[in-house]
Amino acid sequence: MRIALAAGGPAVPAEAGTPPTSWAVPGAKTHPEGIALDARRGVFYTGSFTDGTIYRGDLKTGKVEVFLPGGVDGRTSALGMKVDGAGRLIIAGGATGKVWVHDAARGKLLRTFSVGGGSFLNDLVVTMAGDVHVTDSQQPTLHQISVKELDKGPAQMPLRPFLDLRGTPIKYQAEGPNLNGIALSEDQSTLVVADSNDSELFTIDRRTREVRKLDTGGVKVSADGLLIGDQELITVSTAPGNRGTVTVFHLDHRNAKAKLRQRIDDPALLSPSTAAFSGPEEALVVNLQWGVGKPVLPFSVVRVRLPYPYAARAH
């Protein structure tokens, strides 16, 4: 089933008492990519793919401001990000090969994790225990940061491998994004990752490290961002003509099969990248507009209604 939803208008601050439906992200070449929600503070964070600036948006007022200037601490690009249970903003740095960990309230840099050259750190997910898994779009490796390293490690640390993907069903290609988005099952046992090159989804058992193709019943989806809530897998994809689609699958109890439930076409989606749950029946989606000849300005984060209630926690 495919449905079209009414979208919010121009990204402007909301009137008093009215929750905003869109947020304007400053800059003509910003290309915001990742998003992290901090529900406790009533804000979200997004980052510029092109220069690494981190922006903070107010969920009530619609105001968006620079939180961390681009280029500082080697942060020249920012992609996937999350706020963990300890109030730390964790940011994947793409081709920089770095992951930065900041105090989400004050912005202070707490830790930097680095991997060798040739990597492209794309997206990350935080487990309920506080460990972090990071996808790499160039090297066939899934990386990991332990909660112990986040809590007590030195300021500079190597980014450790969690799983060598060579010899698994995930086949890396010389060109293209390869592994992209990542999400975690409700029971914390299974990672779901998106292979954008092959328009496939894969599962990774966190205990056994076994990799399997997720059975979607033949449905192909070239996903970027992924979310899981209440056994519903939500994917974010670009579409021709600077459009986008949010696709909803239902995961079985073994996290082995995903049944298509709905495709959501919202006119506010402009070549989107990632999303974060912002309520039981809604998500905030980032309009990256990468590779678009003439992006629609201002760049924006938009609120999209979801067809089913979900747990507010984003995995």
C-alpha atoms as a PDB file:
ATOM      1  CA  MET A   1       0.000   0.000   0.000  1.00  0.00           C
ATOM      2  CA  ARG A   2       1.244   3.482  -0.802  1.00  0.00           C
ATOM      3  CA  ILE A   3      -0.193   6.572   0.823  1.00  0.00           C
ATOM      4  CA  ALA A   4       0.437  10.281   0.472  1.00  0.00           C
ATOM      5  CA  LEU A   5       0.410  12.422   3.585  1.00  0.00           C
ATOM      6  CA  ALA A   6      -0.056  16.134   3.940  1.00  0.00           C
ATOM      7  CA  ALA A   7       3.214  17.819   4.747  1.00  0.00           C
ATOM      8  CA  GLY A   8       4.213  20.908   6.625  1.00  0.00           C
ATOM      9  CA  GLY A   9       4.865  24.110   4.725  1.00  0.00           C
ATOM     10  CA  PRO A  10       8.016  26.248   4.667  1.00  0.00           C
ATOM     11  CA  ALA A  11      10.469  25.613   7.459  1.00  0.00           C
ATOM     12  CA  VAL A  12       9.677  28.468   9.821  1.00  0.00           C
ATOM     13  CA  PRO A  13       9.374  28.807  13.609  1.00  0.00           C
ATOM     14  CA  ALA A  14       6.007  27.700  14.948  1.00  0.00           C
ATOM     15  CA  GLU A  15       3.351  30.039  16.237  1.00  0.00           C
ATOM     16  CA  ALA A  16       2.860  30.069  19.988  1.00  0.00           C
ATOM     17  CA  GLY A  17       1.352  26.790  21.150  1.00  0.00           C
ATOM     18  CA  THR A  18       1.597  25.119  17.747  1.00  0.00           C
ATOM     19  CA  PRO A  19       4.254  22.395  17.354  1.00  0.00           C
ATOM     20  CA  PRO A  20       6.417  23.045  14.285  1.00  0.00           C
ATOM     21  CA  THR A  21       6.207  20.692  11.328  1.00  0.00           C
ATOM     22  CA  SER A  22       9.514  21.745   9.781  1.00  0.00           C
ATOM     23  CA  TRP A  23      12.808  23.321  10.786  1.00  0.00           C
ATOM     24  CA  ALA A  24      15.020  25.423   8.519  1.00  0.00           C
ATOM     25  CA  VAL A  25      18.691  24.410   8.596  1.00  0.00           C
ATOM     26  CA  PRO A  26      20.922  27.410   7.746  1.00  0.00           C
ATOM     27  CA  GLY A  27      23.300  27.538   4.788  1.00  0.00           C
ATOM     28  CA  ALA A  28      23.109  27.171   1.017  1.00  0.00           C
ATOM     29  CA  LYS A  29      25.477  24.166   0.915  1.00  0.00           C
ATOM     30  CA  THR A  30      24.790  22.509   4.263  1.00  0.00           C
ATOM     31  CA  HIS A  31      23.302  19.172   3.118  1.00  0.00           C
ATOM     32  CA  PRO A  32      22.244  17.936   6.599  1.00  0.00           C
ATOM     33  CA  GLU A  33      22.626  14.160   6.827  1.00  0.00           C
ATOM     34  CA  GLY A  34      22.184  12.623  10.273  1.00  0.00           C
ATOM     35  CA  ILE A  35      19.796  13.330  13.130  1.00  0.00           C
ATOM     36  CA  ALA A  36      19.778  12.612  16.858  1.00  0.00           C
ATOM     37  CA  LEU A  37      16.894  13.340  19.201  1.00  0.00           C
ATOM     38  CA  ASP A  38      17.424  14.473  22.793  1.00  0.00           C
ATOM     39  CA  ALA A  39      13.904  14.221  24.186  1.00  0.00           C
ATOM     40  CA  ARG A  40      15.006  15.172  27.691  1.00  0.00           C
ATOM     41  CA  ARG A  41      16.146  18.579  26.498  1.00  0.00           C
ATOM     42  CA  GLY A  42      13.474  18.956  23.830  1.00  0.00           C
ATOM     43  CA  VAL A  43      15.972  19.314  20.987  1.00  0.00           C
ATOM     44  CA  PHE A  44      17.414  17.466  18.020  1.00  0.00           C
ATOM     45  CA  TYR A  45      20.851  17.619  16.431  1.00  0.00           C
ATOM     46  CA  THR A  46      21.739  17.397  12.771  1.00  0.00           C
ATOM     47  CA  GLY A  47      25.059  17.800  10.977  1.00  0.00           C
ATOM     48  CA  SER A  48      26.407  19.097   7.692  1.00  0.00           C
ATOM     49  CA  PHE A  49      27.741  16.452   5.348  1.00  0.00           C
ATOM     50  CA  THR A  50      29.835  19.093   3.578  1.00  0.00           C
ATOM     51  CA  ASP A  51      31.577  20.922   6.440  1.00  0.00           C
ATOM     52  CA  GLY A  52      30.828  19.136   9.726  1.00  0.00           C
ATOM     53  CA  THR A  53      28.828  21.887  11.408  1.00  0.00           C
ATOM     54  CA  ILE A  54      26.449  20.516  14.046  1.00  0.00           C
ATOM     55  CA  TYR A  55      23.097  22.255  14.434  1.00  0.00           C
ATOM     56  CA  ARG A  56      20.657  22.094  17.328  1.00  0.00           C
ATOM     57  CA  GLY A  57      16.918  22.450  16.709  1.00  0.00           C
ATOM     58  CA  ASP A  58      14.263  23.278  19.287  1.00  0.00           C
ATOM     59  CA  LEU A  59      11.281  20.914  19.083  1.00  0.00           C
ATOM     60  CA  LYS A  60       8.850  23.511  20.442  1.00  0.00           C
ATOM     61  CA  THR A  61       9.909  26.779  18.817  1.00  0.00           C
ATOM     62  CA  GLY A  62      11.304  25.575  15.476  1.00  0.00           C
ATOM     63  CA  LYS A  63      14.534  27.503  16.047  1.00  0.00           C
ATOM     64  CA  VAL A  64      17.747  25.965  14.646  1.00  0.00           C
ATOM     65  CA  GLU A  65      21.181  27.253  15.673  1.00  0.00           C
ATOM     66  CA  VAL A  66      24.826  26.282  15.313  1.00  0.00           C
ATOM     67  CA  PHE A  67      25.838  24.035  18.204  1.00  0.00           C
ATOM     68  CA  LEU A  68      29.363  23.030  17.094  1.00  0.00           C
ATOM     69  CA  PRO A  69      31.209  24.927  14.324  1.00  0.00           C
ATOM     70  CA  GLY A  70      32.443  22.871  11.384  1.00  0.00           C
ATOM     71  CA  GLY A  71      36.141  22.083  11.011  1.00  0.00           C
ATOM     72  CA  VAL A  72      36.866  22.025  14.746  1.00  0.00           C
ATOM     73  CA  ASP A  73      38.617  18.874  16.058  1.00  0.00           C
ATOM     74  CA  GLY A  74      38.967  17.648  12.462  1.00  0.00           C
ATOM     75  CA  ARG A  75      35.186  17.468  12.040  1.00  0.00           C
ATOM     76  CA  THR A  76      34.876  18.416   8.372  1.00  0.00           C
ATOM     77  CA  SER A  77      31.906  16.126   7.731  1.00  0.00           C
ATOM     78  CA  ALA A  78      29.100  14.782   9.904  1.00  0.00           C
ATOM     79  CA  LEU A  79      26.784  11.890   9.126  1.00  0.00           C
ATOM     80  CA  GLY A  80      24.925   9.465  11.411  1.00  0.00           C
ATOM     81  CA  MET A  81      24.545  10.488  15.045  1.00  0.00           C
ATOM     82  CA  LYS A  82      22.776   9.514  18.247  1.00  0.00           C
ATOM     83  CA  VAL A  83      22.389  10.812  21.803  1.00  0.00           C
ATOM     84  CA  ASP A  84      23.040   7.986  24.267  1.00  0.00           C
ATOM     85  CA  GLY A  85      21.551   7.375  27.694  1.00  0.00           C
ATOM     86  CA  ALA A  86      24.374   9.289  29.373  1.00  0.00           C
ATOM     87  CA  GLY A  87      23.630  12.459  27.411  1.00  0.00           C
ATOM     88  CA  ARG A  88      26.515  12.121  24.955  1.00  0.00           C
ATOM     89  CA  LEU A  89      26.192  13.142  21.311  1.00  0.00           C
ATOM     90  CA  ILE A  90      28.010  10.554  19.186  1.00  0.00           C
ATOM     91  CA  ILE A  91      28.819  11.578  15.590  1.00  0.00           C
ATOM     92  CA  ALA A  92      30.104   9.512  12.652  1.00  0.00           C
ATOM     93  CA  GLY A  93      32.541  11.446  10.486  1.00  0.00           C
ATOM     94  CA  GLY A  94      32.350   9.863   7.034  1.00  0.00           C
ATOM     95  CA  ALA A  95      35.638  10.049   5.134  1.00  0.00           C
ATOM     96  CA  THR A  96      37.454  11.557   8.144  1.00  0.00           C
ATOM     97  CA  GLY A  97      37.494   8.075   9.679  1.00  0.00           C
ATOM     98  CA  LYS A  98      36.551   9.524  13.062  1.00  0.00           C
ATOM     99  CA  VAL A  99      33.748   9.279  15.580  1.00  0.00           C
ATOM    100  CA  TRP A 100      33.410  12.209  17.973  1.00  0.00           C
ATOM    101  CA  VAL A 101      31.722  12.053  21.361  1.00  0.00           C
ATOM    102  CA  HIS A 102      30.470  15.336  22.832  1.00  0.00           C
ATOM    103  CA  ASP A 103      28.564  16.388  25.894  1.00  0.00           C
ATOM    104  CA  ALA A 104      25.136  16.980  24.345  1.00  0.00           C
ATOM    105  CA  ALA A 105      24.330  19.801  26.775  1.00  0.00           C
ATOM    106  CA  ARG A 106      27.512  21.879  26.680  1.00  0.00           C
ATOM    107  CA  GLY A 107      29.197  20.665  23.508  1.00  0.00           C
ATOM    108  CA  LYS A 108      32.475  19.706  25.183  1.00  0.00           C
ATOM    109  CA  LEU A 109      34.483  17.102  23.250  1.00  0.00           C
ATOM    110  CA  LEU A 110      34.858  14.014  25.439  1.00  0.00           C
ATOM    111  CA  ARG A 111      36.375  11.324  23.179  1.00  0.00           C
ATOM    112  CA  THR A 112      37.559  10.814  19.608  1.00  0.00           C
ATOM    113  CA  PHE A 113      37.725   7.360  18.005  1.00  0.00           C
ATOM    114  CA  SER A 114      39.715   6.900  14.783  1.00  0.00           C
ATOM    115  CA  VAL A 115      40.152   4.209  12.162  1.00  0.00           C
ATOM    116  CA  GLY A 116      42.744   3.935   9.393  1.00  0.00           C
ATOM    117  CA  GLY A 117      42.478   5.669   6.034  1.00  0.00           C
ATOM    118  CA  GLY A 118      40.094   4.507   3.350  1.00  0.00           C
ATOM    119  CA  SER A 119      37.072   4.212   5.621  1.00  0.00           C
ATOM    120  CA  PHE A 120      33.775   6.083   5.386  1.00  0.00           C
ATOM    121  CA  LEU A 121      31.965   5.978   8.720  1.00  0.00           C
ATOM    122  CA  ASN A 122      28.333   6.372   7.768  1.00  0.00           C
ATOM    123  CA  ASP A 123      25.815   5.576  10.491  1.00  0.00           C
ATOM    124  CA  LEU A 124      25.674   4.296  14.049  1.00  0.00           C
ATOM    125  CA  VAL A 125      23.326   2.808  16.605  1.00  0.00           C
ATOM    126  CA  VAL A 126      23.488   2.700  20.410  1.00  0.00           C
ATOM    127  CA  THR A 127      22.408  -0.406  22.330  1.00  0.00           C
ATOM    128  CA  MET A 128      20.455  -0.251  25.579  1.00  0.00           C
ATOM    129  CA  ALA A 129      23.666  -1.291  27.354  1.00  0.00           C
ATOM    130  CA  GLY A 130      25.419   1.730  25.835  1.00  0.00           C
ATOM    131  CA  ASP A 131      27.653   0.060  23.241  1.00  0.00           C
ATOM    132  CA  VAL A 132      27.852   1.619  19.766  1.00  0.00           C
ATOM    133  CA  HIS A 133      27.969  -0.076  16.348  1.00  0.00           C
ATOM    134  CA  VAL A 134      29.212   1.931  13.350  1.00  0.00           C
ATOM    135  CA  THR A 135      28.808   1.123   9.648  1.00  0.00           C
ATOM    136  CA  ASP A 136      31.613   1.668   7.141  1.00  0.00           C
ATOM    137  CA  SER A 137      30.631   2.339   3.527  1.00  0.00           C
ATOM    138  CA  GLN A 138      34.111   1.777   2.086  1.00  0.00           C
ATOM    139  CA  GLN A 139      35.736  -0.959   4.163  1.00  0.00           C
ATOM    140  CA  PRO A 140      33.941  -4.297   4.772  1.00  0.00           C
ATOM    141  CA  THR A 141      33.970  -3.859   8.524  1.00  0.00           C
ATOM    142  CA  LEU A 142      31.385  -3.171  11.180  1.00  0.00           C
ATOM    143  CA  HIS A 143      32.995  -1.162  13.978  1.00  0.00           C
ATOM    144  CA  GLN A 144      32.241  -1.019  17.689  1.00  0.00           C
ATOM    145  CA  ILE A 145      32.721   1.303  20.654  1.00  0.00           C
ATOM    146  CA  SER A 146      32.120  -0.222  24.083  1.00  0.00           C
ATOM    147  CA  VAL A 147      30.326   1.634  26.839  1.00  0.00           C
ATOM    148  CA  LYS A 148      33.462   1.194  28.957  1.00  0.00           C
ATOM    149  CA  GLU A 149      35.467   3.110  26.351  1.00  0.00           C
ATOM    150  CA  LEU A 150      32.831   5.832  26.292  1.00  0.00           C
ATOM    151  CA  ASP A 151      32.789   6.096  30.078  1.00  0.00           C
ATOM    152  CA  LYS A 152      36.446   5.845  31.048  1.00  0.00           C
ATOM    153  CA  GLY A 153      38.659   5.650  27.984  1.00  0.00           C
ATOM    154  CA  PRO A 154      41.371   8.157  27.040  1.00  0.00           C
ATOM    155  CA  ALA A 155      40.546  11.175  24.905  1.00  0.00           C
ATOM    156  CA  GLN A 156      41.940   9.542  21.731  1.00  0.00           C
ATOM    157  CA  MET A 157      41.273   5.889  20.934  1.00  0.00           C
ATOM    158  CA  PRO A 158      41.293   3.555  17.941  1.00  0.00           C
ATOM    159  CA  LEU A 159      37.937   2.447  16.579  1.00  0.00           C
ATOM    160  CA  ARG A 160      37.813  -1.323  17.026  1.00  0.00           C
ATOM    161  CA  PRO A 161      36.298  -3.821  14.574  1.00  0.00           C
ATOM    162  CA  PHE A 162      33.215  -5.764  15.626  1.00  0.00           C
ATOM    163  CA  LEU A 163      32.913  -7.921  12.508  1.00  0.00           C
ATOM    164  CA  ASP A 164      34.907  -8.501   9.315  1.00  0.00           C
ATOM    165  CA  LEU A 165      32.258  -8.654   6.589  1.00  0.00           C
ATOM    166  CA  ARG A 166      34.455 -10.371   4.011  1.00  0.00           C
ATOM    167  CA  GLY A 167      33.093 -13.803   3.215  1.00  0.00           C
ATOM    168  CA  THR A 168      29.582 -12.899   4.378  1.00  0.00           C
ATOM    169  CA  PRO A 169      26.467 -12.384   2.221  1.00  0.00           C
ATOM    170  CA  ILE A 170      27.202  -8.641   2.216  1.00  0.00           C
ATOM    171  CA  LYS A 171      29.283  -8.001  -0.906  1.00  0.00           C
ATOM    172  CA  TYR A 172      31.164  -4.723  -1.036  1.00  0.00           C
ATOM    173  CA  GLN A 173      31.594  -2.983  -4.384  1.00  0.00           C
ATOM    174  CA  ALA A 174      34.322  -0.579  -5.464  1.00  0.00           C
ATOM    175  CA  GLU A 175      31.810   2.218  -6.036  1.00  0.00           C
ATOM    176  CA  GLY A 176      28.738   3.331  -4.147  1.00  0.00           C
ATOM    177  CA  PRO A 177      27.774   3.519  -0.474  1.00  0.00           C
ATOM    178  CA  ASN A 178      27.665  -0.233   0.330  1.00  0.00           C
ATOM    179  CA  LEU A 179      26.601  -0.461   3.986  1.00  0.00           C
ATOM    180  CA  ASN A 180      24.618   2.578   5.017  1.00  0.00           C
ATOM    181  CA  GLY A 181      21.957   2.752   7.725  1.00  0.00           C
ATOM    182  CA  ILE A 182      21.817   0.588  10.837  1.00  0.00           C
ATOM    183  CA  ALA A 183      19.172  -0.208  13.455  1.00  0.00           C
ATOM    184  CA  LEU A 184      18.798  -2.553  16.410  1.00  0.00           C
ATOM    185  CA  SER A 185      15.974  -5.005  17.073  1.00  0.00           C
ATOM    186  CA  GLU A 186      13.719  -4.507  20.072  1.00  0.00           C
ATOM    187  CA  ASP A 187      15.200  -7.536  21.840  1.00  0.00           C
ATOM    188  CA  GLN A 188      18.734  -6.161  21.265  1.00  0.00           C
ATOM    189  CA  SER A 189      19.826  -9.414  19.616  1.00  0.00           C
ATOM    190  CA  THR A 190      19.949  -8.367  15.980  1.00  0.00           C
ATOM    191  CA  LEU A 191      21.382  -5.525  13.945  1.00  0.00           C
ATOM    192  CA  VAL A 192      19.639  -4.624  10.700  1.00  0.00           C
ATOM    193  CA  VAL A 193      21.816  -2.914   8.087  1.00  0.00           C
ATOM    194  CA  ALA A 194      21.063  -1.431   4.683  1.00  0.00           C
ATOM    195  CA  ASP A 195      23.169  -2.201   1.617  1.00  0.00           C
ATOM    196  CA  SER A 196      22.289   0.730  -0.626  1.00  0.00           C
ATOM    197  CA  ASN A 197      24.240  -0.607  -3.607  1.00  0.00           C
ATOM    198  CA  ASP A 198      22.205  -3.809  -3.856  1.00  0.00           C
ATOM    199  CA  SER A 199      18.935  -2.411  -2.435  1.00  0.00           C
ATOM    200  CA  GLU A 200      19.004  -5.165   0.193  1.00  0.00           C
ATOM    201  CA  LEU A 201      18.658  -5.404   3.959  1.00  0.00           C
ATOM    202  CA  PHE A 202      20.733  -7.760   6.104  1.00  0.00           C
ATOM    203  CA  THR A 203      20.642  -8.944   9.696  1.00  0.00           C
ATOM    204  CA  ILE A 204      23.642  -9.500  11.957  1.00  0.00           C
ATOM    205  CA  ASP A 205      23.319 -11.631  15.083  1.00  0.00           C
ATOM    206  CA  ARG A 206      25.201  -9.725  17.792  1.00  0.00           C
ATOM    207  CA  ARG A 207      26.122 -12.901  19.693  1.00  0.00           C
ATOM    208  CA  THR A 208      27.113 -15.293  16.893  1.00  0.00           C
ATOM    209  CA  ARG A 209      28.097 -12.602  14.316  1.00  0.00           C
ATOM    210  CA  GLU A 210      26.094 -14.516  11.705  1.00  0.00           C
ATOM    211  CA  VAL A 211      25.030 -12.403   8.703  1.00  0.00           C
ATOM    212  CA  ARG A 212      21.846 -13.186   6.784  1.00  0.00           C
ATOM    213  CA  LYS A 213      19.826 -11.492   4.080  1.00  0.00           C
ATOM    214  CA  LEU A 214      16.573 -10.169   5.520  1.00  0.00           C
ATOM    215  CA  ASP A 215      13.648 -11.803   3.752  1.00  0.00           C
ATOM    216  CA  THR A 216      11.453  -8.921   2.519  1.00  0.00           C
ATOM    217  CA  GLY A 217       9.307 -11.053   0.242  1.00  0.00           C
ATOM    218  CA  GLY A 218      11.114  -9.771  -2.823  1.00  0.00           C
ATOM    219  CA  VAL A 219      10.594  -6.092  -2.002  1.00  0.00           C
ATOM    220  CA  LYS A 220      13.669  -4.041  -2.916  1.00  0.00           C
ATOM    221  CA  VAL A 221      14.462  -0.909  -0.959  1.00  0.00           C
ATOM    222  CA  SER A 222      17.587   1.213  -1.427  1.00  0.00           C
ATOM    223  CA  ALA A 223      17.521   2.475   2.126  1.00  0.00           C
ATOM    224  CA  ASP A 224      19.635   5.088   3.831  1.00  0.00           C
ATOM    225  CA  GLY A 225      18.344   5.620   7.357  1.00  0.00           C
ATOM    226  CA  LEU A 226      16.717   2.830   9.404  1.00  0.00           C
ATOM    227  CA  LEU A 227      14.565   2.803  12.543  1.00  0.00           C
ATOM    228  CA  ILE A 228      12.979  -0.021  14.515  1.00  0.00           C
ATOM    229  CA  GLY A 229      10.077   0.436  16.920  1.00  0.00           C
ATOM    230  CA  ASP A 230       7.634  -2.195  18.190  1.00  0.00           C
ATOM    231  CA  GLN A 231       8.841  -4.713  15.577  1.00  0.00           C
ATOM    232  CA  GLU A 232       8.217  -2.214  12.779  1.00  0.00           C
ATOM    233  CA  LEU A 233      11.219  -1.548  10.541  1.00  0.00           C
ATOM    234  CA  ILE A 234      11.158   1.902   8.968  1.00  0.00           C
ATOM    235  CA  THR A 235      13.431   2.769   6.051  1.00  0.00           C
ATOM    236  CA  VAL A 236      14.178   6.168   4.508  1.00  0.00           C
ATOM    237  CA  SER A 237      14.979   6.336   0.790  1.00  0.00           C
ATOM    238  CA  THR A 238      15.424   8.926  -1.924  1.00  0.00           C
ATOM    239  CA  ALA A 239      13.216   8.869  -5.008  1.00  0.00           C
ATOM    240  CA  PRO A 240      13.558  10.395  -8.489  1.00  0.00           C
ATOM    241  CA  GLY A 241      12.781  14.068  -8.870  1.00  0.00           C
ATOM    242  CA  ASN A 242      14.173  15.142  -5.477  1.00  0.00           C
ATOM    243  CA  ARG A 243      11.510  13.151  -3.657  1.00  0.00           C
ATOM    244  CA  GLY A 244      11.615  10.563  -0.912  1.00  0.00           C
ATOM    245  CA  THR A 245       9.819   7.569   0.540  1.00  0.00           C
ATOM    246  CA  VAL A 246       9.423   6.169   4.032  1.00  0.00           C
ATOM    247  CA  THR A 247       8.750   2.422   3.879  1.00  0.00           C
ATOM    248  CA  VAL A 248       7.302   0.445   6.792  1.00  0.00           C
ATOM    249  CA  PHE A 249       7.918  -3.296   7.244  1.00  0.00           C
ATOM    250  CA  HIS A 250       6.765  -5.595  10.033  1.00  0.00           C
ATOM    251  CA  LEU A 251       9.504  -7.830  11.452  1.00  0.00           C
ATOM    252  CA  ASP A 252       8.654 -11.334  12.604  1.00  0.00           C
ATOM    253  CA  HIS A 253       9.596 -12.449  16.115  1.00  0.00           C
ATOM    254  CA  ARG A 254      12.874 -13.982  14.882  1.00  0.00           C
ATOM    255  CA  ASN A 255      13.892 -10.797  13.033  1.00  0.00           C
ATOM    256  CA  ALA A 256      14.318 -12.950   9.928  1.00  0.00           C
ATOM    257  CA  LYS A 257      11.403 -11.801   7.764  1.00  0.00           C
ATOM    258  CA  ALA A 258      10.011  -8.355   7.027  1.00  0.00           C
ATOM    259  CA  LYS A 259       6.542  -7.915   5.543  1.00  0.00           C
ATOM    260  CA  LEU A 260       5.786  -4.711   3.649  1.00  0.00           C
ATOM    261  CA  ARG A 261       3.073  -2.736   5.409  1.00  0.00           C
ATOM    262  CA  GLN A 262       3.117   0.680   3.798  1.00  0.00           C
ATOM    263  CA  ARG A 263       5.018   3.157   1.673  1.00  0.00           C
ATOM    264  CA  ILE A 264       4.609   6.783   2.688  1.00  0.00           C
ATOM    265  CA  ASP A 265       5.009   9.523   0.100  1.00  0.00           C
ATOM    266  CA  ASP A 266       5.105  12.909   1.792  1.00  0.00           C
ATOM    267  CA  PRO A 267       5.647  16.047  -0.324  1.00  0.00           C
ATOM    268  CA  ALA A 268       7.906  17.384   2.428  1.00  0.00           C
ATOM    269  CA  LEU A 269      10.456  14.626   1.729  1.00  0.00           C
ATOM    270  CA  LEU A 270      13.245  16.019  -0.448  1.00  0.00           C
ATOM    271  CA  SER A 271      15.894  13.350  -1.139  1.00  0.00           C
ATOM    272  CA  PRO A 272      15.956  12.466   2.579  1.00  0.00           C
ATOM    273  CA  SER A 273      18.665  10.560   4.402  1.00  0.00           C
ATOM    274  CA  THR A 274      17.818   9.602   7.972  1.00  0.00           C
ATOM    275  CA  ALA A 275      15.118   9.835  10.627  1.00  0.00           C
ATOM    276  CA  ALA A 276      14.500   9.730  14.366  1.00  0.00           C
ATOM    277  CA  PHE A 277      11.322   8.869  16.246  1.00  0.00           C
ATOM    278  CA  SER A 278       9.891  12.057  17.775  1.00  0.00           C
ATOM    279  CA  GLY A 279       6.679  10.599  19.192  1.00  0.00           C
ATOM    280  CA  PRO A 280       4.463   7.498  19.137  1.00  0.00           C
ATOM    281  CA  GLU A 281       3.205   8.167  15.606  1.00  0.00           C
ATOM    282  CA  GLU A 282       5.752  10.487  14.062  1.00  0.00           C
ATOM    283  CA  ALA A 283       9.366  10.871  13.030  1.00  0.00           C
ATOM    284  CA  LEU A 284      11.720  13.706  12.166  1.00  0.00           C
ATOM    285  CA  VAL A 285      13.279  13.212   8.730  1.00  0.00           C
ATOM    286  CA  VAL A 286      16.362  14.998   7.386  1.00  0.00           C
ATOM    287  CA  ASN A 287      16.263  16.337   3.825  1.00  0.00           C
ATOM    288  CA  LEU A 288      19.830  15.782   2.645  1.00  0.00           C
ATOM    289  CA  GLN A 289      19.256  16.643  -1.039  1.00  0.00           C
ATOM    290  CA  TRP A 290      22.670  15.237  -2.015  1.00  0.00           C
ATOM    291  CA  GLY A 291      23.323  14.970  -5.746  1.00  0.00           C
ATOM    292  CA  VAL A 292      20.414  17.275  -6.514  1.00  0.00           C
ATOM    293  CA  GLY A 293      21.293  19.872  -9.127  1.00  0.00           C
ATOM    294  CA  LYS A 294      19.414  22.692  -7.436  1.00  0.00           C
ATOM    295  CA  PRO A 295      18.420  21.898  -3.843  1.00  0.00           C
ATOM    296  CA  VAL A 296      15.284  23.432  -2.403  1.00  0.00           C
ATOM    297  CA  LEU A 297      16.367  26.023   0.168  1.00  0.00           C
ATOM    298  CA  PRO A 298      16.396  26.296   3.051  1.00  0.00           C
ATOM    299  CA  PHE A 299      17.523  22.776   3.853  1.00  0.00           C
ATOM    300  CA  SER A 300      15.132  21.267   6.341  1.00  0.00           C
ATOM    301  CA  VAL A 301      14.192  18.704   8.927  1.00  0.00           C
ATOM    302  CA  VAL A 302      10.508  17.768   8.651  1.00  0.00           C
ATOM    303  CA  ARG A 303       7.968  16.021  10.830  1.00  0.00           C
ATOM    304  CA  VAL A 304       6.299  13.034   9.138  1.00  0.00           C
ATOM    305  CA  ARG A 305       3.251  11.260  10.496  1.00  0.00           C
ATOM    306  CA  LEU A 306       3.558   7.476  10.746  1.00  0.00           C
ATOM    307  CA  PRO A 307       0.619   5.124  10.177  1.00  0.00           C
ATOM    308  CA  TYR A 308       1.059   3.118  13.390  1.00  0.00           C
ATOM    309  CA  PRO A 309       2.013   3.893  16.993  1.00  0.00           C
ATOM    310  CA  TYR A 310       5.628   3.104  17.833  1.00  0.00           C
ATOM    311  CA  ALA A 311       7.775   3.055  20.914  1.00  0.00           C
ATOM    312  CA  ALA A 312       9.366   6.473  21.260  1.00  0.00           C
ATOM    313  CA  ARG A 313      12.835   5.004  21.726  1.00  0.00           C
ATOM    314  CA  ALA A 314      14.754   5.021  18.436  1.00  0.00           C
ATOM    315  CA  HIS A 315      17.098   2.060  17.915  1.00  0.00           C
END
